[in-house]
Amino acid sequence: MRKPRDFDAELKSLEHKARDLRSRKVQQLGELVISTGADALSADELAGALIVLAETKDAGKREAWAKRGAAYFQGRSRQTASAPGRDTGGDPAQPRGAQPASDGTGAA
């Protein structure tokens, strides 16, 4: 005869794992904001840039942003010591650059 499953214990375990994943996601997003230098932006500026990114449907723009993000992470993994200094200089332009890039691409 099979042992009965303890659904309550399994559910509690899954809820705990989900809570841990949400917590880790929030922590990683905060670390990303800091490592890119975007923490120098005001909350309004950062929220506005993220809204523009989220609302963008143009696959070309999204692909360009993805390539830029991949290059950022590849550069960080190769040169962890010099990457933050280099990225801090270019990062404030990144969120703001996303908006003009959409204007420039739309005009072309």
PDB file of N, CA and C in Angstrom:
ATOM      1  N   MET A   1       0.838  -1.180   0.000  1.00  0.00           N
ATOM      2  CA  MET A   1       0.000   0.000   0.000  1.00  0.00           C
ATOM      3  C   MET A   1       0.891   1.254   0.000  1.00  0.00           C
ATOM      4  N   ARG A   2       0.469   2.280  -0.775  1.00  0.00           N
ATOM      5  CA  ARG A   2       1.251   3.504  -0.884  1.00  0.00           C
ATOM      6  C   ARG A   2       1.041   4.401   0.318  1.00  0.00           C
ATOM      7  N   LYS A   3       2.103   5.121   0.613  1.00  0.00           N
ATOM      8  CA  LYS A   3       2.025   6.096   1.699  1.00  0.00           C
ATOM      9  C   LYS A   3       1.228   7.315   1.208  1.00  0.00           C
ATOM     10  N   PRO A   4       0.287   7.806   2.005  1.00  0.00           N
ATOM     11  CA  PRO A   4      -0.500   8.970   1.570  1.00  0.00           C
ATOM     12  C   PRO A   4       0.380  10.229   1.485  1.00  0.00           C
ATOM     13  N   ARG A   5       0.086  11.070   0.491  1.00  0.00           N
ATOM     14  CA  ARG A   5       0.849  12.303   0.311  1.00  0.00           C
ATOM     15  C   ARG A   5       0.355  13.371   1.275  1.00  0.00           C
ATOM     16  N   ASP A   6       1.283  14.113   1.776  1.00  0.00           N
ATOM     17  CA  ASP A   6       0.951  15.235   2.662  1.00  0.00           C
ATOM     18  C   ASP A   6       0.871  16.504   1.804  1.00  0.00           C
ATOM     19  N   PHE A   7      -0.302  16.768   1.251  1.00  0.00           N
ATOM     20  CA  PHE A   7      -0.480  17.898   0.346  1.00  0.00           C
ATOM     21  C   PHE A   7      -0.214  19.234   1.045  1.00  0.00           C
ATOM     22  N   ASP A   8      -0.596  19.344   2.305  1.00  0.00           N
ATOM     23  CA  ASP A   8      -0.368  20.588   3.029  1.00  0.00           C
ATOM     24  C   ASP A   8       1.122  20.884   3.152  1.00  0.00           C
ATOM     25  N   ALA A   9       1.916  19.874   3.466  1.00  0.00           N
ATOM     26  CA  ALA A   9       3.360  20.065   3.592  1.00  0.00           C
ATOM     27  C   ALA A   9       3.978  20.413   2.235  1.00  0.00           C
ATOM     28  N   GLU A  10       3.515  19.758   1.177  1.00  0.00           N
ATOM     29  CA  GLU A  10       4.033  20.047  -0.157  1.00  0.00           C
ATOM     30  C   GLU A  10       3.671  21.466  -0.577  1.00  0.00           C
ATOM     31  N   LEU A  11       2.444  21.884  -0.289  1.00  0.00           N
ATOM     32  CA  LEU A  11       2.011  23.238  -0.627  1.00  0.00           C
ATOM     33  C   LEU A  11       2.818  24.272   0.144  1.00  0.00           C
ATOM     34  N   LYS A  12       3.051  24.011   1.414  1.00  0.00           N
ATOM     35  CA  LYS A  12       3.832  24.926   2.235  1.00  0.00           C
ATOM     36  C   LYS A  12       5.255  25.044   1.692  1.00  0.00           C
ATOM     37  N   SER A  13       5.824  23.923   1.268  1.00  0.00           N
ATOM     38  CA  SER A  13       7.174  23.916   0.706  1.00  0.00           C
ATOM     39  C   SER A  13       7.217  24.721  -0.597  1.00  0.00           C
ATOM     40  N   LEU A  14       6.211  24.542  -1.445  1.00  0.00           N
ATOM     41  CA  LEU A  14       6.156  25.290  -2.701  1.00  0.00           C
ATOM     42  C   LEU A  14       5.990  26.791  -2.458  1.00  0.00           C
ATOM     43  N   GLU A  15       5.165  27.149  -1.484  1.00  0.00           N
ATOM     44  CA  GLU A  15       4.983  28.564  -1.148  1.00  0.00           C
ATOM     45  C   GLU A  15       6.282  29.173  -0.652  1.00  0.00           C
ATOM     46  N   HIS A  16       7.029  28.410   0.143  1.00  0.00           N
ATOM     47  CA  HIS A  16       8.315  28.879   0.649  1.00  0.00           C
ATOM     48  C   HIS A  16       9.303  29.077  -0.501  1.00  0.00           C
ATOM     49  N   LYS A  17       9.334  28.135  -1.445  1.00  0.00           N
ATOM     50  CA  LYS A  17      10.219  28.262  -2.604  1.00  0.00           C
ATOM     51  C   LYS A  17       9.836  29.469  -3.448  1.00  0.00           C
ATOM     52  N   ALA A  18       8.545  29.695  -3.650  1.00  0.00           N
ATOM     53  CA  ALA A  18       8.078  30.836  -4.441  1.00  0.00           C
ATOM     54  C   ALA A  18       8.465  32.151  -3.763  1.00  0.00           C
ATOM     55  N   ARG A  19       8.329  32.197  -2.446  1.00  0.00           N
ATOM     56  CA  ARG A  19       8.715  33.397  -1.694  1.00  0.00           C
ATOM     57  C   ARG A  19      10.212  33.657  -1.829  1.00  0.00           C
ATOM     58  N   ASP A  20      11.014  32.608  -1.745  1.00  0.00           N
ATOM     59  CA  ASP A  20      12.465  32.742  -1.904  1.00  0.00           C
ATOM     60  C   ASP A  20      12.826  33.229  -3.305  1.00  0.00           C
ATOM     61  N   LEU A  21      12.135  32.701  -4.318  1.00  0.00           N
ATOM     62  CA  LEU A  21      12.410  33.128  -5.694  1.00  0.00           C
ATOM     63  C   LEU A  21      12.051  34.596  -5.907  1.00  0.00           C
ATOM     64  N   ARG A  22      10.904  35.025  -5.368  1.00  0.00           N
ATOM     65  CA  ARG A  22      10.520  36.436  -5.488  1.00  0.00           C
ATOM     66  C   ARG A  22      11.535  37.326  -4.788  1.00  0.00           C
ATOM     67  N   SER A  23      11.984  36.915  -3.623  1.00  0.00           N
ATOM     68  CA  SER A  23      12.963  37.690  -2.876  1.00  0.00           C
ATOM     69  C   SER A  23      14.283  37.783  -3.638  1.00  0.00           C
ATOM     70  N   ARG A  24      14.702  36.667  -4.216  1.00  0.00           N
ATOM     71  CA  ARG A  24      15.948  36.657  -4.977  1.00  0.00           C
ATOM     72  C   ARG A  24      15.825  37.534  -6.227  1.00  0.00           C
ATOM     73  N   LYS A  25      14.663  37.524  -6.860  1.00  0.00           N
ATOM     74  CA  LYS A  25      14.436  38.339  -8.051  1.00  0.00           C
ATOM     75  C   LYS A  25      14.537  39.826  -7.704  1.00  0.00           C
ATOM     76  N   VAL A  26      13.912  40.230  -6.622  1.00  0.00           N
ATOM     77  CA  VAL A  26      13.961  41.624  -6.197  1.00  0.00           C
ATOM     78  C   VAL A  26      15.398  42.024  -5.879  1.00  0.00           C
ATOM     79  N   GLN A  27      16.128  41.169  -5.194  1.00  0.00           N
ATOM     80  CA  GLN A  27      17.516  41.460  -4.848  1.00  0.00           C
ATOM     81  C   GLN A  27      18.369  41.591  -6.113  1.00  0.00           C
ATOM     82  N   GLN A  28      18.194  40.698  -7.063  1.00  0.00           N
ATOM     83  CA  GLN A  28      18.977  40.747  -8.291  1.00  0.00           C
ATOM     84  C   GLN A  28      18.645  41.979  -9.126  1.00  0.00           C
ATOM     85  N   LEU A  29      17.374  42.387  -9.153  1.00  0.00           N
ATOM     86  CA  LEU A  29      17.012  43.607  -9.866  1.00  0.00           C
ATOM     87  C   LEU A  29      17.671  44.824  -9.222  1.00  0.00           C
ATOM     88  N   GLY A  30      17.691  44.862  -7.907  1.00  0.00           N
ATOM     89  CA  GLY A  30      18.367  45.952  -7.210  1.00  0.00           C
ATOM     90  C   GLY A  30      19.857  45.974  -7.494  1.00  0.00           C
ATOM     91  N   GLU A  31      20.474  44.802  -7.512  1.00  0.00           N
ATOM     92  CA  GLU A  31      21.902  44.713  -7.825  1.00  0.00           C
ATOM     93  C   GLU A  31      22.173  45.169  -9.249  1.00  0.00           C
ATOM     94  N   LEU A  32      21.283  44.839 -10.170  1.00  0.00           N
ATOM     95  CA  LEU A  32      21.436  45.254 -11.563  1.00  0.00           C
ATOM     96  C   LEU A  32      21.341  46.771 -11.685  1.00  0.00           C
ATOM     97  N   VAL A  33      20.385  47.365 -11.004  1.00  0.00           N
ATOM     98  CA  VAL A  33      20.233  48.818 -11.034  1.00  0.00           C
ATOM     99  C   VAL A  33      21.502  49.486 -10.516  1.00  0.00           C
ATOM    100  N   ILE A  34      22.049  48.967  -9.442  1.00  0.00           N
ATOM    101  CA  ILE A  34      23.258  49.551  -8.866  1.00  0.00           C
ATOM    102  C   ILE A  34      24.463  49.333  -9.768  1.00  0.00           C
ATOM    103  N   SER A  35      24.621  48.113 -10.292  1.00  0.00           N
ATOM    104  CA  SER A  35      25.815  47.816 -11.093  1.00  0.00           C
ATOM    105  C   SER A  35      25.831  48.580 -12.410  1.00  0.00           C
ATOM    106  N   THR A  36      24.670  48.934 -12.948  1.00  0.00           N
ATOM    107  CA  THR A  36      24.630  49.691 -14.198  1.00  0.00           C
ATOM    108  C   THR A  36      24.766  51.188 -13.965  1.00  0.00           C
ATOM    109  N   GLY A  37      24.711  51.605 -12.721  1.00  0.00           N
ATOM    110  CA  GLY A  37      24.790  53.026 -12.417  1.00  0.00           C
ATOM    111  C   GLY A  37      23.440  53.713 -12.485  1.00  0.00           C
ATOM    112  N   ALA A  38      22.380  52.956 -12.720  1.00  0.00           N
ATOM    113  CA  ALA A  38      21.050  53.542 -12.827  1.00  0.00           C
ATOM    114  C   ALA A  38      20.531  54.024 -11.483  1.00  0.00           C
ATOM    115  N   ASP A  39      21.215  53.677 -10.403  1.00  0.00           N
ATOM    116  CA  ASP A  39      20.789  54.176  -9.093  1.00  0.00           C
ATOM    117  C   ASP A  39      21.056  55.669  -8.958  1.00  0.00           C
ATOM    118  N   ALA A  40      21.812  56.250  -9.884  1.00  0.00           N
ATOM    119  CA  ALA A  40      22.045  57.690  -9.884  1.00  0.00           C
ATOM    120  C   ALA A  40      20.831  58.442 -10.426  1.00  0.00           C
ATOM    121  N   LEU A  41      19.945  57.722 -11.106  1.00  0.00           N
ATOM    122  CA  LEU A  41      18.726  58.340 -11.632  1.00  0.00           C
ATOM    123  C   LEU A  41      17.691  58.463 -10.516  1.00  0.00           C
ATOM    124  N   SER A  42      16.796  59.415 -10.693  1.00  0.00           N
ATOM    125  CA  SER A  42      15.698  59.507  -9.730  1.00  0.00           C
ATOM    126  C   SER A  42      14.745  58.348  -9.973  1.00  0.00           C
ATOM    127  N   ALA A  43      13.923  58.066  -8.998  1.00  0.00           N
ATOM    128  CA  ALA A  43      12.947  56.984  -9.142  1.00  0.00           C
ATOM    129  C   ALA A  43      11.991  57.274 -10.299  1.00  0.00           C
ATOM    130  N   ASP A  44      11.634  58.547 -10.488  1.00  0.00           N
ATOM    131  CA  ASP A  44      10.740  58.916 -11.585  1.00  0.00           C
ATOM    132  C   ASP A  44      11.391  58.665 -12.940  1.00  0.00           C
ATOM    133  N   GLU A  45      12.678  59.040 -13.066  1.00  0.00           N
ATOM    134  CA  GLU A  45      13.389  58.820 -14.326  1.00  0.00           C
ATOM    135  C   GLU A  45      13.515  57.332 -14.630  1.00  0.00           C
ATOM    136  N   LEU A  46      13.888  56.571 -13.629  1.00  0.00           N
ATOM    137  CA  LEU A  46      14.061  55.141 -13.816  1.00  0.00           C
ATOM    138  C   LEU A  46      12.730  54.469 -14.169  1.00  0.00           C
ATOM    139  N   ALA A  47      11.675  54.836 -13.472  1.00  0.00           N
ATOM    140  CA  ALA A  47      10.359  54.269 -13.762  1.00  0.00           C
ATOM    141  C   ALA A  47       9.911  54.646 -15.167  1.00  0.00           C
ATOM    142  N   GLY A  48      10.133  55.877 -15.562  1.00  0.00           N
ATOM    143  CA  GLY A  48       9.756  56.311 -16.903  1.00  0.00           C
ATOM    144  C   GLY A  48      10.500  55.550 -17.979  1.00  0.00           C
ATOM    145  N   ALA A  49      11.808  55.349 -17.786  1.00  0.00           N
ATOM    146  CA  ALA A  49      12.596  54.600 -18.762  1.00  0.00           C
ATOM    147  C   ALA A  49      12.116  53.156 -18.844  1.00  0.00           C
ATOM    148  N   LEU A  50      11.829  52.556 -17.719  1.00  0.00           N
ATOM    149  CA  LEU A  50      11.354  51.174 -17.719  1.00  0.00           C
ATOM    150  C   LEU A  50       9.978  51.051 -18.372  1.00  0.00           C
ATOM    151  N   ILE A  51       9.129  52.037 -18.171  1.00  0.00           N
ATOM    152  CA  ILE A  51       7.807  52.021 -18.802  1.00  0.00           C
ATOM    153  C   ILE A  51       7.948  52.085 -20.312  1.00  0.00           C
ATOM    154  N   VAL A  52       8.848  52.957 -20.796  1.00  0.00           N
ATOM    155  CA  VAL A  52       9.071  53.055 -22.238  1.00  0.00           C
ATOM    156  C   VAL A  52       9.576  51.726 -22.777  1.00  0.00           C
ATOM    157  N   LEU A  53      10.489  51.105 -22.062  1.00  0.00           N
ATOM    158  CA  LEU A  53      11.010  49.808 -22.501  1.00  0.00           C
ATOM    159  C   LEU A  53       9.911  48.760 -22.542  1.00  0.00           C
ATOM    160  N   ALA A  54       9.090  48.724 -21.518  1.00  0.00           N
ATOM    161  CA  ALA A  54       8.035  47.722 -21.441  1.00  0.00           C
ATOM    162  C   ALA A  54       6.960  47.941 -22.497  1.00  0.00           C
ATOM    163  N   GLU A  55       6.703  49.188 -22.863  1.00  0.00           N
ATOM    164  CA  GLU A  55       5.661  49.488 -23.837  1.00  0.00           C
ATOM    165  C   GLU A  55       6.123  49.324 -25.280  1.00  0.00           C
ATOM    166  N   THR A  56       7.446  49.244 -25.486  1.00  0.00           N
ATOM    167  CA  THR A  56       7.983  49.153 -26.836  1.00  0.00           C
ATOM    168  C   THR A  56       7.674  47.794 -27.443  1.00  0.00           C
ATOM    169  N   LYS A  57       7.048  47.819 -28.599  1.00  0.00           N
ATOM    170  CA  LYS A  57       6.683  46.581 -29.305  1.00  0.00           C
ATOM    171  C   LYS A  57       7.631  46.288 -30.470  1.00  0.00           C
ATOM    172  N   ASP A  58       8.438  47.280 -30.870  1.00  0.00           N
ATOM    173  CA  ASP A  58       9.340  47.138 -32.011  1.00  0.00           C
ATOM    174  C   ASP A  58      10.407  46.090 -31.712  1.00  0.00           C
ATOM    175  N   ALA A  59      10.381  45.001 -32.462  1.00  0.00           N
ATOM    176  CA  ALA A  59      11.319  43.891 -32.242  1.00  0.00           C
ATOM    177  C   ALA A  59      12.753  44.322 -32.498  1.00  0.00           C
ATOM    178  N   GLY A  60      12.964  45.214 -33.433  1.00  0.00           N
ATOM    179  CA  GLY A  60      14.320  45.689 -33.737  1.00  0.00           C
ATOM    180  C   GLY A  60      14.937  46.428 -32.561  1.00  0.00           C
ATOM    181  N   LYS A  61      14.157  47.280 -31.945  1.00  0.00           N
ATOM    182  CA  LYS A  61      14.647  48.025 -30.778  1.00  0.00           C
ATOM    183  C   LYS A  61      14.937  47.070 -29.626  1.00  0.00           C
ATOM    184  N   ARG A  62      14.019  46.141 -29.408  1.00  0.00           N
ATOM    185  CA  ARG A  62      14.206  45.179 -28.319  1.00  0.00           C
ATOM    186  C   ARG A  62      15.463  44.342 -28.548  1.00  0.00           C
ATOM    187  N   GLU A  63      15.689  43.944 -29.789  1.00  0.00           N
ATOM    188  CA  GLU A  63      16.872  43.153 -30.111  1.00  0.00           C
ATOM    189  C   GLU A  63      18.141  43.966 -29.888  1.00  0.00           C
ATOM    190  N   ALA A  64      18.122  45.240 -30.278  1.00  0.00           N
ATOM    191  CA  ALA A  64      19.286  46.100 -30.055  1.00  0.00           C
ATOM    192  C   ALA A  64      19.562  46.257 -28.566  1.00  0.00           C
ATOM    193  N   TRP A  65      18.516  46.446 -27.776  1.00  0.00           N
ATOM    194  CA  TRP A  65      18.690  46.567 -26.332  1.00  0.00           C
ATOM    195  C   TRP A  65      19.214  45.271 -25.732  1.00  0.00           C
ATOM    196  N   ALA A  66      18.709  44.145 -26.243  1.00  0.00           N
ATOM    197  CA  ALA A  66      19.171  42.844 -25.747  1.00  0.00           C
ATOM    198  C   ALA A  66      20.650  42.640 -26.059  1.00  0.00           C
ATOM    199  N   LYS A  67      21.066  43.034 -27.258  1.00  0.00           N
ATOM    200  CA  LYS A  67      22.487  42.916 -27.625  1.00  0.00           C
ATOM    201  C   LYS A  67      23.349  43.795 -26.732  1.00  0.00           C
ATOM    202  N   ARG A  68      22.864  44.993 -26.459  1.00  0.00           N
ATOM    203  CA  ARG A  68      23.611  45.904 -25.583  1.00  0.00           C
ATOM    204  C   ARG A  68      23.715  45.333 -24.168  1.00  0.00           C
ATOM    205  N   GLY A  69      22.630  44.741 -23.687  1.00  0.00           N
ATOM    206  CA  GLY A  69      22.654  44.119 -22.368  1.00  0.00           C
ATOM    207  C   GLY A  69      23.585  42.919 -22.326  1.00  0.00           C
ATOM    208  N   ALA A  70      23.559  42.104 -23.375  1.00  0.00           N
ATOM    209  CA  ALA A  70      24.449  40.938 -23.429  1.00  0.00           C
ATOM    210  C   ALA A  70      25.902  41.394 -23.458  1.00  0.00           C
ATOM    211  N   ALA A  71      26.184  42.450 -24.213  1.00  0.00           N
ATOM    212  CA  ALA A  71      27.553  42.975 -24.265  1.00  0.00           C
ATOM    213  C   ALA A  71      27.981  43.486 -22.896  1.00  0.00           C
ATOM    214  N   TYR A  72      27.052  44.103 -22.173  1.00  0.00           N
ATOM    215  CA  TYR A  72      27.353  44.589 -20.825  1.00  0.00           C
ATOM    216  C   TYR A  72      27.752  43.431 -19.920  1.00  0.00           C
ATOM    217  N   PHE A  73      26.970  42.358 -19.938  1.00  0.00           N
ATOM    218  CA  PHE A  73      27.268  41.227 -19.075  1.00  0.00           C
ATOM    219  C   PHE A  73      28.528  40.498 -19.508  1.00  0.00           C
ATOM    220  N   GLN A  74      28.792  40.394 -20.805  1.00  0.00           N
ATOM    221  CA  GLN A  74      30.017  39.757 -21.275  1.00  0.00           C
ATOM    222  C   GLN A  74      31.227  40.579 -20.872  1.00  0.00           C
ATOM    223  N   GLY A  75      31.125  41.884 -20.982  1.00  0.00           N
ATOM    224  CA  GLY A  75      32.224  42.766 -20.580  1.00  0.00           C
ATOM    225  C   GLY A  75      32.490  42.682 -19.090  1.00  0.00           C
ATOM    226  N   ARG A  76      31.429  42.558 -18.309  1.00  0.00           N
ATOM    227  CA  ARG A  76      31.581  42.439 -16.854  1.00  0.00           C
ATOM    228  C   ARG A  76      32.235  41.139 -16.474  1.00  0.00           C
ATOM    229  N   SER A  77      31.888  40.058 -17.155  1.00  0.00           N
ATOM    230  CA  SER A  77      32.449  38.769 -16.781  1.00  0.00           C
ATOM    231  C   SER A  77      33.920  38.687 -17.152  1.00  0.00           C
ATOM    232  N   ARG A  78      34.327  39.365 -18.227  1.00  0.00           N
ATOM    233  CA  ARG A  78      35.730  39.336 -18.629  1.00  0.00           C
ATOM    234  C   ARG A  78      36.585  40.237 -17.770  1.00  0.00           C
ATOM    235  N   GLN A  79      36.101  41.422 -17.461  1.00  0.00           N
ATOM    236  CA  GLN A  79      36.882  42.389 -16.692  1.00  0.00           C
ATOM    237  C   GLN A  79      36.033  42.916 -15.547  1.00  0.00           C
ATOM    238  N   THR A  80      35.938  42.165 -14.489  1.00  0.00           N
ATOM    239  CA  THR A  80      35.069  42.565 -13.381  1.00  0.00           C
ATOM    240  C   THR A  80      35.590  43.804 -12.681  1.00  0.00           C
ATOM    241  N   ALA A  81      36.888  43.988 -12.638  1.00  0.00           N
ATOM    242  CA  ALA A  81      37.442  45.135 -11.931  1.00  0.00           C
ATOM    243  C   ALA A  81      37.247  46.428 -12.709  1.00  0.00           C
ATOM    244  N   SER A  82      37.438  46.420 -14.018  1.00  0.00           N
ATOM    245  CA  SER A  82      37.338  47.657 -14.789  1.00  0.00           C
ATOM    246  C   SER A  82      35.947  47.887 -15.355  1.00  0.00           C
ATOM    247  N   ALA A  83      35.107  46.875 -15.402  1.00  0.00           N
ATOM    248  CA  ALA A  83      33.776  47.027 -15.986  1.00  0.00           C
ATOM    249  C   ALA A  83      32.899  48.023 -15.234  1.00  0.00           C
ATOM    250  N   PRO A  84      32.840  48.012 -13.887  1.00  0.00           N
ATOM    251  CA  PRO A  84      31.959  48.964 -13.220  1.00  0.00           C
ATOM    252  C   PRO A  84      32.332  50.412 -13.512  1.00  0.00           C
ATOM    253  N   GLY A  85      33.611  50.743 -13.573  1.00  0.00           N
ATOM    254  CA  GLY A  85      34.012  52.114 -13.869  1.00  0.00           C
ATOM    255  C   GLY A  85      33.629  52.504 -15.280  1.00  0.00           C
ATOM    256  N   ARG A  86      33.812  51.578 -16.201  1.00  0.00           N
ATOM    257  CA  ARG A  86      33.483  51.838 -17.591  1.00  0.00           C
ATOM    258  C   ARG A  86      31.966  51.921 -17.761  1.00  0.00           C
ATOM    259  N   ASP A  87      31.237  51.035 -17.136  1.00  0.00           N
ATOM    260  CA  ASP A  87      29.794  50.987 -17.301  1.00  0.00           C
ATOM    261  C   ASP A  87      29.094  52.162 -16.637  1.00  0.00           C
ATOM    262  N   THR A  88      29.653  52.673 -15.561  1.00  0.00           N
ATOM    263  CA  THR A  88      29.027  53.794 -14.877  1.00  0.00           C
ATOM    264  C   THR A  88      28.977  55.004 -15.783  1.00  0.00           C
ATOM    265  N   GLY A  89      30.019  55.208 -16.591  1.00  0.00           N
ATOM    266  CA  GLY A  89      30.049  56.348 -17.494  1.00  0.00           C
ATOM    267  C   GLY A  89      29.014  56.232 -18.595  1.00  0.00           C
ATOM    268  N   GLY A  90      28.756  55.040 -19.083  1.00  0.00           N
ATOM    269  CA  GLY A  90      27.834  54.865 -20.197  1.00  0.00           C
ATOM    270  C   GLY A  90      26.421  54.551 -19.778  1.00  0.00           C
ATOM    271  N   ASP A  91      26.213  54.175 -18.563  1.00  0.00           N
ATOM    272  CA  ASP A  91      24.904  53.705 -18.160  1.00  0.00           C
ATOM    273  C   ASP A  91      23.853  54.790 -17.997  1.00  0.00           C
ATOM    274  N   PRO A  92      24.184  55.980 -17.475  1.00  0.00           N
ATOM    275  CA  PRO A  92      23.127  56.987 -17.413  1.00  0.00           C
ATOM    276  C   PRO A  92      22.563  57.288 -18.791  1.00  0.00           C
ATOM    277  N   ALA A  93      23.370  57.142 -19.836  1.00  0.00           N
ATOM    278  CA  ALA A  93      22.863  57.368 -21.180  1.00  0.00           C
ATOM    279  C   ALA A  93      22.032  56.196 -21.664  1.00  0.00           C
ATOM    280  N   GLN A  94      22.222  55.014 -21.067  1.00  0.00           N
ATOM    281  CA  GLN A  94      21.505  53.838 -21.545  1.00  0.00           C
ATOM    282  C   GLN A  94      19.995  53.988 -21.392  1.00  0.00           C
ATOM    283  N   PRO A  95      19.456  54.260 -20.181  1.00  0.00           N
ATOM    284  CA  PRO A  95      18.004  54.401 -20.097  1.00  0.00           C
ATOM    285  C   PRO A  95      17.497  55.596 -20.889  1.00  0.00           C
ATOM    286  N   ARG A  96      18.242  56.703 -20.834  1.00  0.00           N
ATOM    287  CA  ARG A  96      17.822  57.875 -21.589  1.00  0.00           C
ATOM    288  C   ARG A  96      18.039  57.640 -23.074  1.00  0.00           C
ATOM    289  N   GLY A  97      19.095  56.884 -23.408  1.00  0.00           N
ATOM    290  CA  GLY A  97      19.391  56.565 -24.800  1.00  0.00           C
ATOM    291  C   GLY A  97      18.311  55.700 -25.414  1.00  0.00           C
ATOM    292  N   ALA A  98      17.588  54.963 -24.580  1.00  0.00           N
ATOM    293  CA  ALA A  98      16.538  54.095 -25.090  1.00  0.00           C
ATOM    294  C   ALA A  98      15.399  54.930 -25.686  1.00  0.00           C
ATOM    295  N   GLN A  99      15.091  56.056 -25.071  1.00  0.00           N
ATOM    296  CA  GLN A  99      14.009  56.882 -25.575  1.00  0.00           C
ATOM    297  C   GLN A  99      14.397  57.573 -26.878  1.00  0.00           C
ATOM    298  N   PRO A 100      15.571  58.246 -26.964  1.00  0.00           N
ATOM    299  CA  PRO A 100      15.934  58.861 -28.236  1.00  0.00           C
ATOM    300  C   PRO A 100      16.139  57.833 -29.336  1.00  0.00           C
ATOM    301  N   ALA A 101      16.621  56.627 -28.980  1.00  0.00           N
ATOM    302  CA  ALA A 101      16.804  55.598 -29.995  1.00  0.00           C
ATOM    303  C   ALA A 101      15.463  55.260 -30.639  1.00  0.00           C
ATOM    304  N   SER A 102      14.404  55.246 -29.827  1.00  0.00           N
ATOM    305  CA  SER A 102      13.093  54.954 -30.394  1.00  0.00           C
ATOM    306  C   SER A 102      12.642  56.098 -31.296  1.00  0.00           C
ATOM    307  N   ASP A 103      12.990  57.332 -30.923  1.00  0.00           N
ATOM    308  CA  ASP A 103      12.632  58.475 -31.773  1.00  0.00           C
ATOM    309  C   ASP A 103      13.440  58.448 -33.056  1.00  0.00           C
ATOM    310  N   GLY A 104      14.741  58.147 -32.922  1.00  0.00           N
ATOM    311  CA  GLY A 104      15.619  58.112 -34.084  1.00  0.00           C
ATOM    312  C   GLY A 104      15.235  57.003 -35.033  1.00  0.00           C
ATOM    313  N   THR A 105      14.880  55.846 -34.492  1.00  0.00           N
ATOM    314  CA  THR A 105      14.491  54.722 -35.334  1.00  0.00           C
ATOM    315  C   THR A 105      13.159  55.014 -36.012  1.00  0.00           C
ATOM    316  N   GLY A 106      12.258  55.661 -35.283  1.00  0.00           N
ATOM    317  CA  GLY A 106      10.954  55.987 -35.858  1.00  0.00           C
ATOM    318  C   GLY A 106      11.074  57.010 -36.969  1.00  0.00           C
ATOM    319  N   ALA A 107      12.064  57.925 -36.878  1.00  0.00           N
ATOM    320  CA  ALA A 107      12.249  58.947 -37.884  1.00  0.00           C
ATOM    321  C   ALA A 107      12.905  58.367 -39.123  1.00  0.00           C
ATOM    322  N   ALA A 108      13.663  57.280 -38.990  1.00  0.00           N
ATOM    323  CA  ALA A 108      14.392  56.712 -40.129  1.00  0.00           C
ATOM    324  C   ALA A 108      13.552  55.965 -41.086  1.00  0.00           C
TER     325      ALA A 108
END
